[in-house]
Amino acid sequence: MFRSGHLSGGVHPKSHKNTDAFSTIHLDDFKEIHIPMSMHIGPPCTPVVMVGDQVKVGQLIGEANDPMAVPIHSSVSGLVTAIRKEVTSDGHSVEVIQIESDGLYAPDESIAPPTVTDKESFLKALRDSGLVGLGGAGFPTHRKLRIPTGKKVECLLINAAECEPYITTDFRQCAEHPDEIIAGISLVLKYLGIPQAIIGIEDNKPLAEKLLRDALAKTEQAMRLKLAISVKLLKTIYPQGAEKLLIHALTGREVPTGGLPIDVGVLVINVSTVRFIAKYLKTGMPLVRKHLTLDGSGIKKPCNVNVPIGSMIPDVIAHAGGQAAEAGKIIMGSSMMGVAIDRLDMPIIKQNNMILVFDKHEADLPAESPCIRCGRCVKACPMHLFPFELDDGARRKNIEQLKDHHVLDCIECGCCAYVCPAKRYLVQNIRAGKGSVRT
């Protein structure tokens, strides 16, 4: 069995879990959607529809021609009105298919549960579903679950920590669909031949823990067997849910520099991802909708929503209650690791799990002052790095300094910037430094 590890470093930001008691709202009233042909780590898809085509929900509209890509499907039924290049939230220009919804959400006639009998057909089904990791990274799930020759997975870890402020989508998945989560975990264990799974939940989410334990007990009783699935509470601290830190917390194992979880015998999947796996194998409906949290001082009614992929952010906000104030900062993702975007008129994509809108007052950043070498960033860093050295190396473009202080081990969690009394822009500079080292 595994020995639990302990997260050293980290911070305790205010949780701001304003929406944890709010059931997910299913929103459908969207006149137009924009679906990018790149919503995954890997090459973009190729459109297989043309302007003027009628499409249905779940119909293939973007073909994946690379092993690292996954297909893209229509999230509404309606008319393809344009295919053009648009700039995405990460600054890349990609083809986008614009569809005018007919409001009917008619499913494609080809939708049917996939035939899955073994590991290969299971992985093929995941690829065909268009699934990427729903925790936000966008890595194709079928690639993540393909165990390399010579490697062995001893444990599957399910990330239900949701340690970042504001976001509550994974918590709502646990509260609303615990049975499907357990079913999804069981399927992964079965087809990949993994002997056990551990669900990691921070100890400030007792309801999620209870419902998952109840669902597990009910499943075991119905199947008349003892599943090798356990639920384990984690200390509430940020960034407990970061992959390498979660592995250490649940198993005591440490992923080496430049290594992957498989190198220490584990795989990590987000809780929403395994829930989708169960749902897809049951219904055959590919990934066409996204659960996300809307919050921040610029949102009139913070909430959790389920919307078609490709819905435009302003439309989602409007249907959920509207803006409370003019946006001063918009963040895709949570307040610690999310990415600020320069405008609202962007579509919801597969990786989105939260939209934060702050008013101008809350968005104001204090000016930087010189680093005083207090060491708070070092104490807070969960990866045991020296952020002030990385910041200095990045500003001076000193590649050797960045390498000597292991810049690529930085997980960009933001703990250093959170505690810095000089308000240094540590994460932004370290991120730029990582780019310099890679090039």
Protein backbone atom coordinates (compact mmCIF):
# COMPACT_ATOMS: atom_id res chain seq x y z
CA MET A 1 0.00 0.00 0.00
CA PHE A 2 0.98 3.61 -0.33
CA ARG A 3 2.38 5.94 2.29
CA SER A 4 0.86 9.41 2.31
CA GLY A 5 3.12 12.33 1.61
CA HIS A 6 2.90 15.85 2.98
CA LEU A 7 2.66 19.05 0.99
CA SER A 8 5.31 21.46 2.19
CA GLY A 9 4.90 25.03 1.08
CA GLY A 10 1.64 26.18 -0.41
CA VAL A 11 -0.70 28.92 0.73
CA HIS A 12 -4.19 29.41 2.14
CA PRO A 13 -5.96 31.93 -0.11
CA LYS A 14 -9.54 32.82 0.69
CA SER A 15 -11.67 30.05 -0.80
CA HIS A 16 -14.46 32.23 -2.22
CA LYS A 17 -16.49 29.07 -2.90
CA ASN A 18 -19.56 31.21 -3.46
CA THR A 19 -21.28 28.69 -5.73
CA ASP A 20 -20.70 25.36 -4.00
CA ALA A 21 -24.35 25.11 -2.93
CA PHE A 22 -25.69 26.14 -6.35
CA SER A 23 -26.91 23.30 -8.55
CA THR A 24 -25.72 23.34 -12.14
CA ILE A 25 -27.98 25.30 -14.51
CA HIS A 26 -28.48 23.78 -17.96
CA LEU A 27 -28.43 26.60 -20.52
CA ASP A 28 -29.50 26.10 -24.14
CA ASP A 29 -30.79 29.41 -25.49
CA PHE A 30 -27.85 30.34 -27.73
CA LYS A 31 -28.44 31.68 -31.22
CA GLU A 32 -24.88 31.25 -32.43
CA ILE A 33 -21.82 29.28 -31.43
CA HIS A 34 -18.18 29.41 -32.52
CA ILE A 35 -16.28 26.11 -32.32
CA PRO A 36 -12.47 26.34 -32.68
CA MET A 37 -10.67 23.50 -34.46
CA SER A 38 -8.05 23.44 -31.72
CA MET A 39 -9.23 22.62 -28.20
CA HIS A 40 -6.52 20.17 -27.20
CA ILE A 41 -2.76 19.88 -26.84
CA GLY A 42 -1.69 18.80 -30.31
CA PRO A 43 -2.30 19.74 -33.96
CA PRO A 44 -5.66 21.34 -34.87
CA CYS A 45 -8.49 19.46 -36.55
CA THR A 46 -9.55 19.83 -40.18
CA PRO A 47 -13.12 21.03 -40.83
CA VAL A 48 -15.26 18.39 -42.58
CA VAL A 49 -18.30 20.62 -43.08
CA MET A 50 -18.84 23.62 -45.33
CA VAL A 51 -20.76 26.85 -45.12
CA GLY A 52 -24.41 26.09 -45.80
CA ASP A 53 -24.33 22.60 -44.30
CA GLN A 54 -26.95 21.55 -41.76
CA VAL A 55 -25.47 19.87 -38.68
CA LYS A 56 -26.82 18.07 -35.63
CA VAL A 57 -25.68 17.63 -32.05
CA GLY A 58 -22.76 15.20 -31.83
CA GLN A 59 -22.03 15.30 -35.56
CA LEU A 60 -18.35 15.27 -36.52
CA ILE A 61 -17.29 18.70 -37.78
CA GLY A 62 -13.54 18.57 -37.16
CA GLU A 63 -11.48 15.55 -38.20
CA ALA A 64 -8.38 14.62 -36.17
CA ASN A 65 -5.51 13.61 -38.47
CA ASP A 66 -2.81 13.23 -35.85
CA PRO A 67 -2.43 10.76 -32.95
CA MET A 68 -2.26 13.69 -30.52
CA ALA A 69 -5.46 15.29 -31.81
CA VAL A 70 -9.06 14.42 -30.98
CA PRO A 71 -12.13 14.96 -33.16
CA ILE A 72 -14.49 17.89 -32.63
CA HIS A 73 -18.28 17.67 -32.78
CA SER A 74 -21.14 20.09 -33.12
CA SER A 75 -22.76 21.08 -29.84
CA VAL A 76 -25.99 22.34 -31.44
CA SER A 77 -28.16 21.56 -34.44
CA GLY A 78 -28.41 24.23 -37.07
CA LEU A 79 -26.72 25.88 -40.06
CA VAL A 80 -22.98 26.38 -40.66
CA THR A 81 -22.78 30.08 -41.48
CA ALA A 82 -19.02 30.70 -41.58
CA ILE A 83 -15.60 29.06 -41.32
CA ARG A 84 -12.85 31.56 -40.66
CA LYS A 85 -9.67 32.25 -38.73
CA GLU A 86 -10.04 33.74 -35.25
CA VAL A 87 -7.55 34.53 -32.49
CA THR A 88 -8.04 32.30 -29.46
CA SER A 89 -7.48 33.06 -25.78
CA ASP A 90 -3.86 31.84 -26.01
CA GLY A 91 -3.11 34.20 -28.89
CA HIS A 92 -3.06 31.59 -31.67
CA SER A 93 -4.99 31.93 -34.90
CA VAL A 94 -7.17 28.88 -35.61
CA GLU A 95 -10.06 27.97 -37.85
CA VAL A 96 -13.44 28.41 -36.21
CA ILE A 97 -16.74 26.95 -37.39
CA GLN A 98 -19.67 29.28 -36.78
CA ILE A 99 -23.08 27.62 -36.44
CA GLU A 100 -26.47 29.29 -36.22
CA SER A 101 -28.53 27.21 -33.81
CA ASP A 102 -32.07 26.20 -34.71
CA GLY A 103 -32.85 25.76 -31.00
CA LEU A 104 -33.92 22.14 -31.46
CA TYR A 105 -30.73 20.38 -30.30
CA ALA A 106 -31.56 17.44 -32.53
CA PRO A 107 -28.98 14.65 -32.04
CA ASP A 108 -27.12 13.15 -34.97
CA GLU A 109 -28.66 9.85 -36.11
CA SER A 110 -25.30 8.09 -35.80
CA ILE A 111 -25.09 8.61 -32.04
CA ALA A 112 -24.96 5.23 -30.28
CA PRO A 113 -23.00 3.72 -27.38
CA PRO A 114 -19.58 2.52 -28.60
CA THR A 115 -18.70 -1.15 -28.63
CA VAL A 116 -15.98 -1.64 -26.04
CA THR A 117 -14.55 -5.08 -25.31
CA ASP A 118 -10.90 -4.51 -24.42
CA LYS A 119 -8.22 -1.87 -23.82
CA GLU A 120 -7.76 -0.91 -27.46
CA SER A 121 -11.47 -0.48 -28.17
CA PHE A 122 -11.77 1.48 -24.91
CA LEU A 123 -8.99 3.88 -25.89
CA LYS A 124 -10.42 4.22 -29.39
CA ALA A 125 -13.81 5.10 -27.91
CA LEU A 126 -12.22 7.81 -25.78
CA ARG A 127 -10.50 9.28 -28.82
CA ASP A 128 -13.70 9.16 -30.87
CA SER A 129 -15.52 10.99 -28.07
CA GLY A 130 -13.24 14.00 -28.41
CA LEU A 131 -12.32 13.79 -24.73
CA VAL A 132 -9.50 15.86 -23.27
CA GLY A 133 -8.67 16.28 -19.61
CA LEU A 134 -11.49 18.33 -18.15
CA GLY A 135 -9.37 19.73 -15.35
CA GLY A 136 -8.14 22.40 -17.73
CA ALA A 137 -4.93 21.12 -19.34
CA GLY A 138 -6.55 19.91 -22.56
CA PHE A 139 -4.33 16.83 -22.96
CA PRO A 140 -6.07 14.10 -25.03
CA THR A 141 -7.30 11.49 -22.55
CA HIS A 142 -6.76 8.51 -24.84
CA ARG A 143 -3.07 9.40 -25.04
CA LYS A 144 -2.74 9.91 -21.30
CA LEU A 145 -4.27 6.49 -20.63
CA ARG A 146 -2.12 4.66 -23.17
CA ILE A 147 0.41 2.95 -20.93
CA PRO A 148 3.87 2.77 -22.58
CA THR A 149 5.42 -0.64 -23.16
CA GLY A 150 7.44 -1.70 -20.16
CA LYS A 151 5.54 0.55 -17.77
CA LYS A 152 3.06 -0.61 -15.15
CA VAL A 153 0.32 1.36 -13.44
CA GLU A 154 -0.22 0.36 -9.82
CA CYS A 155 -2.78 3.01 -8.93
CA LEU A 156 -5.24 5.37 -10.60
CA LEU A 157 -5.59 8.71 -8.80
CA ILE A 158 -8.78 10.72 -9.21
CA ASN A 159 -8.28 14.43 -8.68
CA ALA A 160 -11.30 15.87 -6.88
CA ALA A 161 -9.27 18.30 -4.76
CA GLU A 162 -10.45 21.48 -6.50
CA CYS A 163 -8.13 23.55 -4.34
CA GLU A 164 -8.29 26.84 -6.28
CA PRO A 165 -10.45 29.74 -5.11
CA TYR A 166 -13.91 30.35 -6.58
CA ILE A 167 -14.24 27.27 -8.78
CA THR A 168 -16.82 24.62 -7.78
CA THR A 169 -17.51 22.63 -10.96
CA ASP A 170 -15.81 19.43 -9.78
CA PHE A 171 -17.54 19.69 -6.43
CA ARG A 172 -20.91 19.95 -8.19
CA GLN A 173 -20.02 16.89 -10.29
CA CYS A 174 -19.41 14.96 -7.06
CA ALA A 175 -22.65 16.28 -5.53
CA GLU A 176 -24.83 15.70 -8.60
CA HIS A 177 -23.32 12.64 -10.32
CA PRO A 178 -21.47 10.47 -7.77
CA ASP A 179 -22.77 7.21 -9.29
CA GLU A 180 -21.40 8.08 -12.74
CA ILE A 181 -18.04 9.02 -11.22
CA ILE A 182 -17.71 5.61 -9.55
CA ALA A 183 -18.85 3.93 -12.77
CA GLY A 184 -16.25 5.83 -14.79
CA ILE A 185 -13.47 4.88 -12.39
CA SER A 186 -14.54 1.23 -12.54
CA LEU A 187 -14.40 1.29 -16.35
CA VAL A 188 -10.88 2.71 -16.40
CA LEU A 189 -9.69 0.10 -13.87
CA LYS A 190 -11.34 -2.69 -15.85
CA TYR A 191 -10.06 -1.89 -19.32
CA LEU A 192 -6.57 -0.74 -18.35
CA GLY A 193 -6.04 -3.52 -15.82
CA ILE A 194 -5.19 -1.17 -12.96
CA PRO A 195 -5.59 -2.83 -9.54
CA GLN A 196 -6.79 0.13 -7.48
CA ALA A 197 -7.94 3.75 -7.47
CA ILE A 198 -7.83 6.53 -4.88
CA ILE A 199 -10.13 9.54 -5.01
CA GLY A 200 -8.45 12.56 -3.43
CA ILE A 201 -10.73 15.25 -1.94
CA GLU A 202 -9.74 18.20 0.23
CA ASP A 203 -11.13 17.94 3.76
CA ASN A 204 -13.24 21.09 3.35
CA LYS A 205 -15.67 19.18 1.11
CA PRO A 206 -17.40 16.70 3.46
CA LEU A 207 -20.53 16.47 1.30
CA ALA A 208 -18.54 15.32 -1.74
CA GLU A 209 -16.73 12.76 0.41
CA LYS A 210 -19.99 11.39 1.81
CA LEU A 211 -21.80 11.15 -1.52
CA LEU A 212 -18.88 9.40 -3.22
CA ARG A 213 -18.52 6.93 -0.35
CA ASP A 214 -22.28 6.26 -0.49
CA ALA A 215 -22.13 5.74 -4.26
CA LEU A 216 -19.18 3.41 -3.87
CA ALA A 217 -20.94 1.34 -1.20
CA LYS A 218 -24.10 1.14 -3.32
CA THR A 219 -22.11 0.00 -6.38
CA GLU A 220 -20.24 -2.63 -4.37
CA GLN A 221 -23.50 -4.01 -2.99
CA ALA A 222 -25.15 -4.12 -6.42
CA MET A 223 -22.16 -5.86 -8.01
CA ARG A 224 -21.63 -8.15 -5.00
CA LEU A 225 -17.89 -7.50 -4.99
CA LYS A 226 -15.38 -5.30 -3.25
CA LEU A 227 -14.07 -2.66 -5.63
CA ALA A 228 -10.49 -1.51 -5.08
CA ILE A 229 -11.59 2.12 -4.94
CA SER A 230 -11.06 4.31 -1.91
CA VAL A 231 -11.80 7.90 -0.95
CA LYS A 232 -9.05 9.79 0.83
CA LEU A 233 -9.20 13.22 2.42
CA LEU A 234 -6.43 15.71 1.72
CA LYS A 235 -5.30 18.65 3.77
CA THR A 236 -6.95 21.85 2.54
CA ILE A 237 -4.10 23.87 1.12
CA TYR A 238 -3.32 25.31 -2.28
CA PRO A 239 -2.02 23.86 -4.66
CA GLN A 240 -2.93 20.43 -3.28
CA GLY A 241 -4.56 19.43 -6.59
CA ALA A 242 -1.46 19.97 -8.76
CA GLU A 243 -0.62 16.62 -10.34
CA LYS A 244 2.84 16.02 -8.86
CA LEU A 245 1.76 17.26 -5.45
CA LEU A 246 -1.40 15.15 -5.49
CA ILE A 247 0.67 12.07 -6.30
CA HIS A 248 2.96 12.74 -3.36
CA ALA A 249 0.05 13.47 -1.01
CA LEU A 250 -1.84 10.28 -1.89
CA THR A 251 1.01 7.83 -2.48
CA GLY A 252 4.18 9.30 -0.98
CA ARG A 253 5.88 8.96 -4.37
CA GLU A 254 7.78 11.78 -6.04
CA VAL A 255 7.76 12.28 -9.79
CA PRO A 256 11.37 13.00 -10.86
CA THR A 257 12.40 16.16 -12.67
CA GLY A 258 11.33 15.84 -16.29
CA GLY A 259 9.38 12.70 -15.44
CA LEU A 260 5.74 11.70 -15.74
CA PRO A 261 3.31 10.08 -13.27
CA ILE A 262 3.70 6.77 -15.11
CA ASP A 263 7.36 6.79 -14.05
CA VAL A 264 6.23 6.21 -10.45
CA GLY A 265 3.46 3.78 -11.34
CA VAL A 266 0.42 6.04 -11.25
CA LEU A 267 -2.04 7.79 -13.56
CA VAL A 268 -4.01 10.90 -12.59
CA ILE A 269 -7.43 11.81 -14.02
CA ASN A 270 -9.76 14.65 -13.12
CA VAL A 271 -13.04 13.65 -11.48
CA SER A 272 -15.13 15.31 -14.22
CA THR A 273 -13.19 13.35 -16.84
CA VAL A 274 -14.08 9.96 -15.37
CA ARG A 275 -17.71 11.02 -15.03
CA PHE A 276 -17.79 11.85 -18.76
CA ILE A 277 -16.25 8.45 -19.61
CA ALA A 278 -19.15 6.65 -17.90
CA LYS A 279 -21.71 8.86 -19.58
CA TYR A 280 -20.17 8.47 -23.05
CA LEU A 281 -19.93 4.69 -22.91
CA LYS A 282 -23.58 4.61 -21.89
CA THR A 283 -24.99 7.12 -24.42
CA GLY A 284 -22.44 7.57 -27.20
CA MET A 285 -22.82 11.35 -27.09
CA PRO A 286 -19.37 12.90 -27.58
CA LEU A 287 -17.97 15.86 -25.68
CA VAL A 288 -20.23 18.72 -26.79
CA ARG A 289 -21.07 20.50 -23.53
CA LYS A 290 -19.02 21.98 -20.71
CA HIS A 291 -19.62 22.52 -17.01
CA LEU A 292 -18.13 25.72 -15.63
CA THR A 293 -18.38 28.21 -12.80
CA LEU A 294 -19.12 31.90 -13.33
CA ASP A 295 -18.00 34.20 -10.52
CA GLY A 296 -16.24 37.41 -9.59
CA SER A 297 -17.29 40.93 -8.66
CA GLY A 298 -18.25 41.60 -12.29
CA ILE A 299 -20.86 38.80 -12.32
CA LYS A 300 -24.35 39.65 -11.10
CA LYS A 301 -25.32 36.11 -10.15
CA PRO A 302 -22.41 33.71 -9.54
CA CYS A 303 -23.45 30.21 -10.62
CA ASN A 304 -22.52 26.86 -12.11
CA VAL A 305 -23.66 26.26 -15.66
CA ASN A 306 -23.69 23.55 -18.31
CA VAL A 307 -23.46 25.06 -21.80
CA PRO A 308 -22.78 23.97 -25.38
CA ILE A 309 -19.10 24.12 -26.31
CA GLY A 310 -18.66 27.13 -28.57
CA SER A 311 -21.12 29.33 -26.66
CA MET A 312 -19.82 32.89 -26.57
CA ILE A 313 -18.81 34.09 -23.11
CA PRO A 314 -21.00 37.25 -23.18
CA ASP A 315 -24.03 35.12 -24.07
CA VAL A 316 -23.30 32.69 -21.24
CA ILE A 317 -22.98 35.54 -18.75
CA ALA A 318 -26.14 37.21 -20.06
CA HIS A 319 -28.20 34.01 -19.79
CA ALA A 320 -26.85 33.41 -16.29
CA GLY A 321 -27.93 36.83 -15.01
CA GLY A 322 -25.62 39.37 -16.62
CA GLN A 323 -22.70 41.52 -15.55
CA ALA A 324 -22.76 43.51 -12.34
CA ALA A 325 -20.15 45.99 -13.54
CA GLU A 326 -17.84 46.73 -16.45
CA ALA A 327 -15.10 44.14 -16.66
CA GLY A 328 -11.71 45.23 -15.36
CA LYS A 329 -10.15 41.78 -15.75
CA ILE A 330 -11.44 38.55 -17.31
CA ILE A 331 -9.81 35.27 -16.38
CA MET A 332 -10.31 31.88 -18.02
CA GLY A 333 -9.80 29.59 -15.08
CA SER A 334 -9.46 30.36 -11.40
CA SER A 335 -7.75 33.29 -9.76
CA MET A 336 -4.42 31.53 -9.06
CA MET A 337 -3.63 29.64 -12.28
CA GLY A 338 -6.13 31.04 -14.74
CA VAL A 339 -5.14 33.03 -17.82
CA ALA A 340 -6.24 36.64 -18.25
CA ILE A 341 -7.85 37.37 -21.62
CA ASP A 342 -8.17 40.72 -23.34
CA ARG A 343 -11.84 40.53 -24.26
CA LEU A 344 -15.09 38.71 -23.50
CA ASP A 345 -16.10 37.84 -27.06
CA MET A 346 -14.53 34.38 -27.04
CA PRO A 347 -16.13 30.94 -27.05
CA ILE A 348 -16.28 28.39 -24.26
CA ILE A 349 -13.91 25.55 -25.17
CA LYS A 350 -13.26 22.07 -23.80
CA GLN A 351 -10.57 23.25 -21.39
CA ASN A 352 -12.67 25.97 -19.75
CA ASN A 353 -13.87 25.20 -16.24
CA MET A 354 -14.37 28.75 -15.01
CA ILE A 355 -14.86 32.33 -16.14
CA LEU A 356 -13.95 35.00 -13.59
CA VAL A 357 -14.93 38.61 -14.21
CA PHE A 358 -13.61 41.25 -11.84
CA ASP A 359 -14.70 44.88 -11.83
CA LYS A 360 -12.12 47.62 -12.41
CA HIS A 361 -11.56 48.31 -8.72
CA GLU A 362 -10.82 44.67 -7.87
CA ALA A 363 -8.71 44.23 -10.99
CA ASP A 364 -6.23 46.96 -10.10
CA LEU A 365 -2.77 45.58 -9.45
CA PRO A 366 -0.36 47.26 -7.02
CA ALA A 367 2.91 48.47 -8.48
CA GLU A 368 6.02 46.31 -8.13
CA SER A 369 8.79 47.32 -5.78
CA PRO A 370 12.34 45.94 -5.54
CA CYS A 371 12.82 42.41 -4.20
CA ILE A 372 14.03 42.53 -0.58
CA ARG A 373 15.18 38.88 -0.50
CA CYS A 374 12.82 38.08 2.37
CA GLY A 375 12.49 34.45 1.30
CA ARG A 376 8.72 34.23 1.59
CA CYS A 377 8.45 32.99 -1.99
CA VAL A 378 10.91 30.20 -1.20
CA LYS A 379 8.94 29.11 1.85
CA ALA A 380 5.66 29.10 -0.11
CA CYS A 381 6.96 27.25 -3.17
CA PRO A 382 5.60 23.67 -3.11
CA MET A 383 8.31 22.58 -5.59
CA HIS A 384 11.14 23.80 -3.31
CA LEU A 385 12.47 26.29 -5.87
CA PHE A 386 13.91 29.79 -5.49
CA PRO A 387 11.34 31.97 -7.27
CA PHE A 388 13.26 35.20 -6.71
CA GLU A 389 16.26 33.71 -8.54
CA LEU A 390 14.04 32.52 -11.38
CA ASP A 391 12.44 35.94 -11.60
CA ASP A 392 15.84 37.60 -11.75
CA GLY A 393 17.11 35.16 -14.38
CA ALA A 394 14.02 35.65 -16.51
CA ARG A 395 14.27 39.45 -16.40
CA ARG A 396 17.94 39.34 -17.37
CA LYS A 397 17.37 36.53 -19.89
CA ASN A 398 20.08 34.51 -18.16
CA ILE A 399 19.42 31.00 -19.49
CA GLU A 400 22.08 29.35 -17.36
CA GLN A 401 20.66 30.89 -14.19
CA LEU A 402 17.21 29.65 -15.11
CA LYS A 403 18.49 26.14 -15.78
CA ASP A 404 20.60 26.07 -12.60
CA HIS A 405 17.51 26.88 -10.55
CA HIS A 406 15.31 24.33 -12.37
CA VAL A 407 12.84 26.72 -13.99
CA LEU A 408 11.08 23.89 -15.83
CA ASP A 409 10.07 22.36 -12.50
CA CYS A 410 7.90 25.40 -11.76
CA ILE A 411 4.19 24.51 -11.94
CA GLU A 412 3.16 28.19 -12.18
CA CYS A 413 0.85 27.85 -9.17
CA GLY A 414 1.30 31.48 -8.15
CA CYS A 415 2.06 30.84 -4.48
CA CYS A 416 5.22 32.93 -4.73
CA ALA A 417 3.42 35.96 -6.14
CA TYR A 418 0.60 35.54 -3.61
CA VAL A 419 2.94 35.95 -0.63
CA CYS A 420 5.42 38.46 -2.14
CA PRO A 421 5.38 41.71 -0.11
CA ALA A 422 7.02 43.53 -3.03
CA LYS A 423 4.17 42.43 -5.36
CA ARG A 424 6.67 41.17 -7.92
CA TYR A 425 5.20 39.74 -11.13
CA LEU A 426 6.90 36.44 -10.43
CA VAL A 427 4.68 34.02 -12.33
CA GLN A 428 4.55 36.09 -15.52
CA ASN A 429 8.33 36.42 -15.59
CA ILE A 430 9.01 32.78 -14.70
CA ARG A 431 6.60 31.68 -17.44
CA ALA A 432 8.53 33.81 -19.92
CA GLY A 433 11.76 32.35 -18.60
CA LYS A 434 10.51 28.81 -19.21
CA GLY A 435 9.74 29.79 -22.79
CA SER A 436 13.27 31.12 -23.22
CA VAL A 437 14.81 27.88 -21.92
CA ARG A 438 12.63 25.73 -24.19
CA THR A 439 13.60 27.71 -27.29
